[in-house]
Amino acid sequence: MAGHWARRRAAPLVAGLVAGLLLVSGCTTTAPSASNVSNAATTHQPTVPGATWQAWPAPGDGSACQHDLQAARNYVRTLDTTALMAVKDGRVLFSQGPVERVSIVFSVRKSLLAMLYGKYVASGAIDLDRTLAEVGIDDAVGGLLPGERQARLRDLLAARSGVYHPAVNGGDDAAAAPARGSQAPGSYFLYNNWDFNAAGTAFERLTGRGIYQAFAEDLAAPLQLEDFNPPRHGRSGDARRSEHLAYPFHLSTRDMARLGLLALNQGAWQGRQLLPRGWVARMVQPVTPAAEMHPAHVARRGFGYGYLWWLLEKEGPQSPLHGAYMAWGVHGQYILVLPARSMVIAHKREVPVADNWNVSWVGPREFLRAARMLATARCGAGAPG
């Protein structure tokens, strides 16, 4: 999905910043409504939400905090943001728009699959060094070349399989793919939905569980996602192009924030280790630096890639975004994890599924500007001066 964004950004109509700057409708409070947020504690100690989120203890912060948050709000209102939620130390610092509303989140799905993989890699059910041939992954529509079937599962997660078979869905960089069979598995990065969809097929085949079943039981239930509805989910795509279907998710912004908080907490949640120790670090360990990405416009973004997560590799040690990583879906859907600030920022730009390419976008440049403003807000002990 992110690949198509870059091509639209290059068009004259939308060159530079996203052209449409509209006021955001809906909720504009600094935290979700009282019905959705429990009474906040008066401490800044890190926490995780229970059935509902706790609000950031605003009385403990002075006018500088409120000034900075208002500046961020003013900026967000110039974007086509549907909803944004910023969580600091496990509490809601900032909220804009209907964070409870559910919509499709496109390529964010890939980062969620990476999270699901961890438990089964740790148990041995999934061996990332197994090849597609060993797992029995081929494609009924045209088939794979013998060399393509030597790609490993880890190559699918890193978008380095060297398999350039058509995918069931667009929104990737397949138009810039090299010739079939020209790149050895593991040697060449291309943001390619065939890889991501086949990774979903491999997960289901090796675990014996559907992606949505695993997500509901392994993550949604223990995280107490407030708005996740399993019956709404199903794999999709044009099966005439490939047998490996996509696995879209439908999530609310506030539930996206819980998933980001789980990653920030290294997989720990209320005394349980939902993701194996070390798995988050493995997901966001750089596999492909920006300079090695293809095509050239992807390299120019300045983001690296791990296992289905984008990495903000150009942020130095003094940056509030140092060490940050994000799930990124088309139009402006993000889960940004900022370890340097103990923060998570979830953002959505909702679009009609039937006409999802002909609407305005909130690109990473605009989103990360808002994120930086929130990360540097002078709120809480140890806040930046």
Protein backbone atom coordinates (compact mmCIF):
# COMPACT_ATOMS: atom_id res chain seq x y z
CA MET A 1 0.00 0.00 0.00
CA ALA A 2 2.76 2.43 0.85
CA GLY A 3 4.31 2.06 -2.61
CA HIS A 4 1.23 3.45 -4.34
CA TRP A 5 1.30 6.45 -2.01
CA ALA A 6 4.74 7.42 -3.28
CA ARG A 7 3.63 7.37 -6.89
CA ARG A 8 0.60 9.55 -6.18
CA ARG A 9 2.78 11.96 -4.22
CA ALA A 10 4.96 12.29 -7.27
CA ALA A 11 2.06 13.41 -9.43
CA PRO A 12 1.86 17.15 -10.12
CA LEU A 13 -1.49 17.49 -8.42
CA VAL A 14 -0.14 16.34 -5.08
CA ALA A 15 3.59 17.16 -5.31
CA GLY A 16 5.13 18.17 -2.02
CA LEU A 17 2.69 18.22 0.84
CA VAL A 18 -0.74 16.60 0.73
CA ALA A 19 -2.89 19.09 -1.10
CA GLY A 20 -6.19 18.82 0.70
CA LEU A 21 -6.08 20.54 4.07
CA LEU A 22 -9.47 20.15 5.71
CA LEU A 23 -10.70 20.69 9.23
CA VAL A 24 -11.26 17.50 11.16
CA SER A 25 -14.79 16.82 12.24
CA GLY A 26 -15.79 14.95 15.39
CA CYS A 27 -14.31 14.88 18.85
CA THR A 28 -11.64 17.43 19.67
CA THR A 29 -11.06 16.80 23.35
CA THR A 30 -7.60 16.06 24.72
CA ALA A 31 -8.66 12.58 25.76
CA PRO A 32 -11.48 10.17 24.91
CA SER A 33 -14.84 10.84 26.52
CA ALA A 34 -15.54 9.90 30.12
CA SER A 35 -17.46 6.83 28.97
CA ASN A 36 -14.31 5.50 27.31
CA VAL A 37 -11.61 6.58 29.80
CA SER A 38 -11.42 5.61 33.45
CA ASN A 39 -10.34 8.04 36.16
CA ALA A 40 -6.64 8.69 35.81
CA ALA A 41 -4.13 8.06 38.54
CA THR A 42 -2.16 11.04 39.78
CA THR A 43 1.19 9.47 38.95
CA HIS A 44 3.23 9.33 35.79
CA GLN A 45 4.37 5.73 36.33
CA PRO A 46 4.04 3.60 33.18
CA THR A 47 0.88 1.54 33.03
CA VAL A 48 -1.29 -0.41 30.60
CA PRO A 49 -5.03 0.05 30.14
CA GLY A 50 -7.58 -2.35 31.47
CA ALA A 51 -11.04 -2.42 29.93
CA THR A 52 -10.73 1.32 29.29
CA TRP A 53 -7.91 3.78 28.87
CA GLN A 54 -6.68 6.07 31.61
CA ALA A 55 -6.23 9.73 30.75
CA TRP A 56 -2.94 11.52 31.24
CA PRO A 57 -3.03 13.27 34.63
CA ALA A 58 -3.35 16.80 33.26
CA PRO A 59 -3.49 18.51 36.66
CA GLY A 60 0.12 17.52 37.15
CA ASP A 61 1.21 19.49 34.11
CA GLY A 62 1.45 23.21 33.70
CA SER A 63 0.64 25.69 31.01
CA ALA A 64 3.66 24.69 28.91
CA CYS A 65 2.20 21.21 28.40
CA GLN A 66 -1.21 22.58 27.46
CA HIS A 67 0.35 25.12 25.13
CA ASP A 68 2.33 22.45 23.29
CA LEU A 69 -0.64 20.10 23.00
CA GLN A 70 -2.79 22.89 21.62
CA ALA A 71 -0.14 23.71 19.04
CA ALA A 72 -0.15 20.06 17.99
CA ARG A 73 -3.95 20.09 17.82
CA ASN A 74 -3.96 23.19 15.65
CA TYR A 75 -1.59 21.49 13.23
CA VAL A 76 -3.51 18.19 13.15
CA ARG A 77 -6.67 20.12 12.30
CA THR A 78 -5.03 21.26 9.06
CA LEU A 79 -4.63 17.65 7.95
CA ASP A 80 -7.17 15.20 6.59
CA THR A 81 -6.84 13.23 9.81
CA THR A 82 -9.86 11.19 10.85
CA ALA A 83 -8.53 10.29 14.29
CA LEU A 84 -5.27 10.44 16.23
CA MET A 85 -4.41 9.14 19.68
CA ALA A 86 -1.12 9.67 21.50
CA VAL A 87 -0.29 7.53 24.52
CA LYS A 88 2.50 8.40 26.96
CA ASP A 89 3.55 6.01 29.71
CA GLY A 90 0.43 3.99 28.94
CA ARG A 91 -2.05 6.85 29.34
CA VAL A 92 -3.88 8.97 26.80
CA LEU A 93 -2.01 12.23 26.41
CA PHE A 94 -3.83 13.50 23.32
CA SER A 95 -6.85 12.53 21.28
CA GLN A 96 -8.44 14.00 18.17
CA GLY A 97 -11.44 12.70 16.30
CA PRO A 98 -13.53 9.53 16.76
CA VAL A 99 -10.88 7.17 18.08
CA GLU A 100 -13.51 4.49 18.72
CA ARG A 101 -14.63 4.27 15.09
CA VAL A 102 -13.68 1.11 13.20
CA SER A 103 -12.43 1.10 9.61
CA ILE A 104 -10.12 -0.89 7.35
CA VAL A 105 -6.42 -0.29 8.00
CA PHE A 106 -4.84 -1.75 4.83
CA SER A 107 -1.08 -2.40 5.12
CA VAL A 108 -1.01 -2.05 8.90
CA ARG A 109 -2.10 -5.68 8.61
CA LYS A 110 1.45 -6.70 7.73
CA SER A 111 2.95 -5.46 10.99
CA LEU A 112 0.18 -7.25 12.90
CA LEU A 113 1.10 -10.49 11.14
CA ALA A 114 4.71 -9.98 12.22
CA MET A 115 3.53 -9.76 15.82
CA LEU A 116 1.54 -12.98 15.43
CA TYR A 117 4.55 -14.83 14.04
CA GLY A 118 6.56 -14.43 17.26
CA LYS A 119 4.77 -16.99 19.41
CA TYR A 120 5.05 -19.67 16.76
CA VAL A 121 8.66 -18.95 15.88
CA ALA A 122 9.47 -19.31 19.59
CA SER A 123 7.56 -22.61 19.84
CA GLY A 124 9.26 -24.04 16.77
CA ALA A 125 6.05 -24.32 14.76
CA ILE A 126 7.52 -21.81 12.32
CA ASP A 127 11.15 -22.00 11.24
CA LEU A 128 12.01 -18.81 9.38
CA ASP A 129 14.83 -20.56 7.53
CA ARG A 130 12.51 -23.02 5.82
CA THR A 131 12.10 -22.44 2.11
CA LEU A 132 8.84 -22.03 0.23
CA ALA A 133 9.49 -25.43 -1.35
CA GLU A 134 9.87 -27.05 2.07
CA VAL A 135 6.65 -25.46 3.33
CA GLY A 136 4.78 -26.34 0.13
CA ILE A 137 4.18 -22.73 -0.92
CA ASP A 138 3.65 -22.35 -4.66
CA ASP A 139 0.97 -20.52 -6.61
CA ALA A 140 -1.84 -22.20 -8.48
CA VAL A 141 -2.03 -19.27 -10.90
CA GLY A 142 0.98 -19.77 -13.14
CA GLY A 143 3.22 -21.31 -10.51
CA LEU A 144 6.60 -20.27 -9.13
CA LEU A 145 9.98 -20.72 -10.74
CA PRO A 146 12.29 -23.30 -9.13
CA GLY A 147 14.62 -20.54 -7.92
CA GLU A 148 11.74 -18.56 -6.43
CA ARG A 149 10.72 -21.56 -4.35
CA GLN A 150 14.09 -21.37 -2.59
CA ALA A 151 13.09 -18.14 -0.85
CA ARG A 152 12.92 -18.52 2.92
CA LEU A 153 10.06 -17.47 5.15
CA ARG A 154 12.26 -14.73 6.61
CA ASP A 155 12.62 -13.35 3.07
CA LEU A 156 8.84 -12.94 2.86
CA LEU A 157 8.78 -10.99 6.14
CA ALA A 158 11.59 -8.75 4.91
CA ALA A 159 10.16 -8.23 1.37
CA ARG A 160 13.30 -9.79 -0.11
CA SER A 161 11.96 -13.04 -1.58
CA GLY A 162 12.85 -12.36 -5.20
CA VAL A 163 9.39 -13.68 -6.13
CA TYR A 164 7.66 -11.29 -8.53
CA HIS A 165 4.49 -13.21 -9.15
CA PRO A 166 1.39 -10.95 -9.35
CA ALA A 167 -0.46 -10.41 -6.07
CA VAL A 168 -4.22 -10.44 -5.50
CA ASN A 169 -4.19 -6.78 -4.49
CA GLY A 170 -2.43 -3.58 -5.49
CA GLY A 171 -0.83 -0.86 -3.44
CA ASP A 172 2.74 -2.13 -3.68
CA ASP A 173 5.73 -1.52 -5.94
CA ALA A 174 5.11 -4.48 -8.26
CA ALA A 175 5.18 -2.18 -11.29
CA ALA A 176 8.90 -1.68 -10.64
CA ALA A 177 9.68 -5.36 -10.14
CA PRO A 178 12.68 -6.87 -11.95
CA ALA A 179 12.15 -9.74 -14.35
CA ARG A 180 11.00 -13.03 -12.85
CA GLY A 181 13.96 -15.11 -11.73
CA SER A 182 16.49 -12.26 -12.03
CA GLN A 183 17.08 -11.72 -8.30
CA ALA A 184 18.27 -14.38 -5.88
CA PRO A 185 16.10 -14.81 -2.79
CA GLY A 186 17.24 -12.56 0.04
CA SER A 187 19.27 -10.26 -2.18
CA TYR A 188 16.84 -7.54 -3.27
CA PHE A 189 14.19 -5.47 -1.44
CA LEU A 190 10.90 -4.77 -3.18
CA TYR A 191 7.70 -3.84 -1.36
CA ASN A 192 5.66 -6.66 -2.83
CA ASN A 193 2.22 -7.82 -1.74
CA TRP A 194 2.83 -11.34 -3.01
CA ASP A 195 5.44 -11.75 -0.27
CA PHE A 196 3.15 -10.38 2.42
CA ASN A 197 0.15 -12.46 1.36
CA ALA A 198 2.19 -15.65 1.04
CA ALA A 199 3.53 -14.99 4.53
CA GLY A 200 -0.08 -15.11 5.69
CA THR A 201 -0.66 -18.42 3.90
CA ALA A 202 2.51 -19.86 5.45
CA PHE A 203 1.39 -18.75 8.91
CA GLU A 204 -1.95 -20.50 8.57
CA ARG A 205 -0.43 -23.63 7.06
CA LEU A 206 2.26 -24.07 9.71
CA THR A 207 0.20 -23.15 12.77
CA GLY A 208 -3.08 -24.74 11.71
CA ARG A 209 -4.84 -21.55 12.76
CA GLY A 210 -6.49 -18.80 10.76
CA ILE A 211 -4.90 -15.38 11.00
CA TYR A 212 -8.02 -13.81 12.48
CA GLN A 213 -8.54 -16.65 14.96
CA ALA A 214 -4.94 -16.31 16.13
CA PHE A 215 -5.24 -12.54 16.37
CA ALA A 216 -8.49 -12.75 18.34
CA GLU A 217 -7.14 -15.27 20.83
CA ASP A 218 -3.45 -14.35 21.07
CA LEU A 219 -3.76 -10.55 21.01
CA ALA A 220 -7.27 -9.08 20.92
CA ALA A 221 -8.61 -10.93 23.97
CA PRO A 222 -5.69 -10.40 26.39
CA LEU A 223 -5.23 -6.79 25.21
CA GLN A 224 -8.96 -6.20 25.76
CA LEU A 225 -9.36 -4.53 22.39
CA GLU A 226 -12.54 -2.51 22.71
CA ASP A 227 -13.77 -2.53 19.13
CA PHE A 228 -12.43 -5.66 17.42
CA ASN A 229 -15.16 -7.73 15.74
CA PRO A 230 -13.93 -11.10 14.38
CA PRO A 231 -16.96 -11.83 12.12
CA ARG A 232 -16.19 -8.68 10.16
CA HIS A 233 -12.88 -10.12 8.97
CA GLY A 234 -12.01 -12.33 6.03
CA ARG A 235 -9.21 -12.83 3.53
CA SER A 236 -9.80 -11.11 0.21
CA GLY A 237 -8.43 -10.28 -3.23
CA ASP A 238 -8.60 -11.33 -6.86
CA ALA A 239 -7.98 -15.09 -6.76
CA ARG A 240 -7.54 -15.07 -10.56
CA ARG A 241 -4.15 -13.43 -9.98
CA SER A 242 -2.84 -15.52 -7.08
CA GLU A 243 -4.00 -18.14 -4.61
CA HIS A 244 -2.55 -16.18 -1.68
CA LEU A 245 -5.21 -13.79 -0.44
CA ALA A 246 -4.76 -10.59 1.54
CA TYR A 247 -5.85 -10.39 5.19
CA PRO A 248 -7.24 -6.88 5.82
CA PHE A 249 -8.01 -5.76 9.36
CA HIS A 250 -10.76 -3.48 10.63
CA LEU A 251 -9.64 -1.61 13.74
CA SER A 252 -10.32 1.51 15.75
CA THR A 253 -7.60 4.05 16.41
CA ARG A 254 -7.68 3.36 20.14
CA ASP A 255 -7.21 -0.38 19.54
CA MET A 256 -4.32 0.36 17.18
CA ALA A 257 -2.76 2.26 20.09
CA ARG A 258 -3.04 -0.83 22.33
CA LEU A 259 -1.17 -2.90 19.77
CA GLY A 260 1.54 -0.26 19.59
CA LEU A 261 1.76 -0.18 23.38
CA LEU A 262 2.26 -3.95 23.42
CA ALA A 263 5.24 -3.48 21.09
CA LEU A 264 6.58 -0.61 23.21
CA ASN A 265 6.39 -2.89 26.26
CA GLN A 266 8.38 -5.59 24.43
CA GLY A 267 5.38 -7.92 24.33
CA ALA A 268 4.53 -7.71 28.04
CA TRP A 269 0.99 -6.94 29.17
CA GLN A 270 -0.41 -7.01 32.70
CA GLY A 271 2.11 -9.55 33.91
CA ARG A 272 1.91 -11.77 30.82
CA GLN A 273 4.38 -12.10 27.97
CA LEU A 274 2.04 -12.03 24.95
CA LEU A 275 4.93 -11.80 22.50
CA PRO A 276 8.07 -13.83 23.23
CA ARG A 277 10.93 -11.96 24.88
CA GLY A 278 13.17 -10.56 22.20
CA TRP A 279 10.64 -10.88 19.38
CA VAL A 280 9.87 -7.16 19.12
CA ALA A 281 13.58 -6.40 18.93
CA ARG A 282 13.90 -9.00 16.20
CA MET A 283 10.96 -7.56 14.23
CA VAL A 284 12.47 -4.08 14.22
CA GLN A 285 16.09 -5.06 13.73
CA PRO A 286 17.16 -3.47 10.44
CA VAL A 287 17.19 -5.92 7.55
CA THR A 288 17.13 -3.38 4.73
CA PRO A 289 18.49 0.16 5.16
CA ALA A 290 16.86 2.86 3.08
CA ALA A 291 19.82 3.04 0.71
CA GLU A 292 19.26 -0.58 -0.38
CA MET A 293 15.58 -0.22 -1.23
CA HIS A 294 14.03 -0.36 -4.67
CA PRO A 295 12.78 1.49 -6.63
CA ALA A 296 14.64 4.76 -6.08
CA HIS A 297 11.69 6.72 -4.72
CA VAL A 298 11.39 4.21 -1.86
CA ALA A 299 15.04 4.71 -0.93
CA ARG A 300 14.52 8.49 -0.84
CA ARG A 301 11.94 8.22 1.93
CA GLY A 302 14.73 7.50 4.40
CA PHE A 303 12.98 4.58 6.13
CA GLY A 304 14.54 1.20 6.75
CA TYR A 305 12.66 -2.09 7.00
CA GLY A 306 12.75 -4.98 9.42
CA TYR A 307 10.18 -7.79 9.53
CA LEU A 308 7.04 -6.04 8.20
CA TRP A 309 7.78 -2.84 10.16
CA TRP A 310 9.17 0.46 8.85
CA LEU A 311 12.15 1.90 10.75
CA LEU A 312 12.96 5.59 11.20
CA GLU A 313 16.65 5.05 10.65
CA LYS A 314 17.71 8.68 10.10
CA GLU A 315 16.69 9.95 13.55
CA GLY A 316 19.82 10.58 15.63
CA PRO A 317 20.28 9.96 19.38
CA GLN A 318 19.04 13.46 20.27
CA SER A 319 15.82 13.09 18.29
CA PRO A 320 12.57 12.25 20.12
CA LEU A 321 11.97 9.83 17.25
CA HIS A 322 15.27 7.99 17.75
CA GLY A 323 14.72 4.24 17.52
CA ALA A 324 11.11 4.69 16.40
CA TYR A 325 9.34 2.22 14.14
CA MET A 326 5.91 2.13 12.56
CA ALA A 327 3.19 0.16 10.88
CA TRP A 328 2.11 2.09 7.80
CA GLY A 329 -1.00 1.74 5.68
CA VAL A 330 -2.08 3.66 2.60
CA HIS A 331 -3.74 7.09 2.95
CA GLY A 332 -2.35 7.78 6.40
CA GLN A 333 -2.79 4.85 8.76
CA TYR A 334 0.04 4.56 11.26
CA ILE A 335 1.03 2.91 14.50
CA LEU A 336 4.19 4.73 15.56
CA VAL A 337 6.21 3.42 18.51
CA LEU A 338 8.64 5.89 20.12
CA PRO A 339 10.80 4.13 22.74
CA ALA A 340 12.78 7.32 23.44
CA ARG A 341 9.62 9.00 24.76
CA SER A 342 7.71 5.95 26.07
CA MET A 343 5.01 6.91 23.58
CA VAL A 344 2.74 5.38 20.97
CA ILE A 345 0.86 7.41 18.38
CA ALA A 346 -1.95 5.87 16.32
CA HIS A 347 -3.37 7.74 13.35
CA LYS A 348 -6.04 7.07 10.75
CA ARG A 349 -7.28 8.68 7.59
CA GLU A 350 -10.49 6.84 6.77
CA VAL A 351 -11.50 6.35 3.14
CA PRO A 352 -14.37 4.65 1.32
CA VAL A 353 -13.17 1.18 0.39
CA ALA A 354 -14.91 1.37 -2.98
CA ASP A 355 -13.05 4.54 -3.99
CA ASN A 356 -9.95 4.39 -1.87
CA TRP A 357 -7.44 5.76 -4.41
CA ASN A 358 -9.31 8.96 -5.26
CA VAL A 359 -9.10 10.74 -1.92
CA SER A 360 -6.57 12.93 -0.14
CA TRP A 361 -3.81 11.43 1.97
CA VAL A 362 -1.88 12.15 5.15
CA GLY A 363 1.64 11.21 4.18
CA PRO A 364 4.48 10.30 6.53
CA ARG A 365 6.01 13.77 6.36
CA GLU A 366 2.83 15.38 7.69
CA PHE A 367 2.17 12.64 10.22
CA LEU A 368 5.72 12.64 11.58
CA ARG A 369 5.61 16.42 11.99
CA ALA A 370 2.57 15.96 14.24
CA ALA A 371 4.30 13.09 16.04
CA ARG A 372 7.36 15.21 16.69
CA MET A 373 5.22 17.99 18.16
CA LEU A 374 3.53 15.54 20.50
CA ALA A 375 6.79 13.82 21.44
CA THR A 376 8.38 17.14 22.42
CA ALA A 377 5.37 18.49 24.35
CA ARG A 378 6.47 19.60 27.82
CA CYS A 379 4.28 17.18 29.73
CA GLY A 380 5.29 15.17 32.76
CA ALA A 381 8.47 14.60 34.71
CA GLY A 382 11.53 14.56 32.51
CA ALA A 383 9.69 16.31 29.69
CA PRO A 384 11.86 18.04 27.12
CA GLY A 385 12.52 21.67 27.97
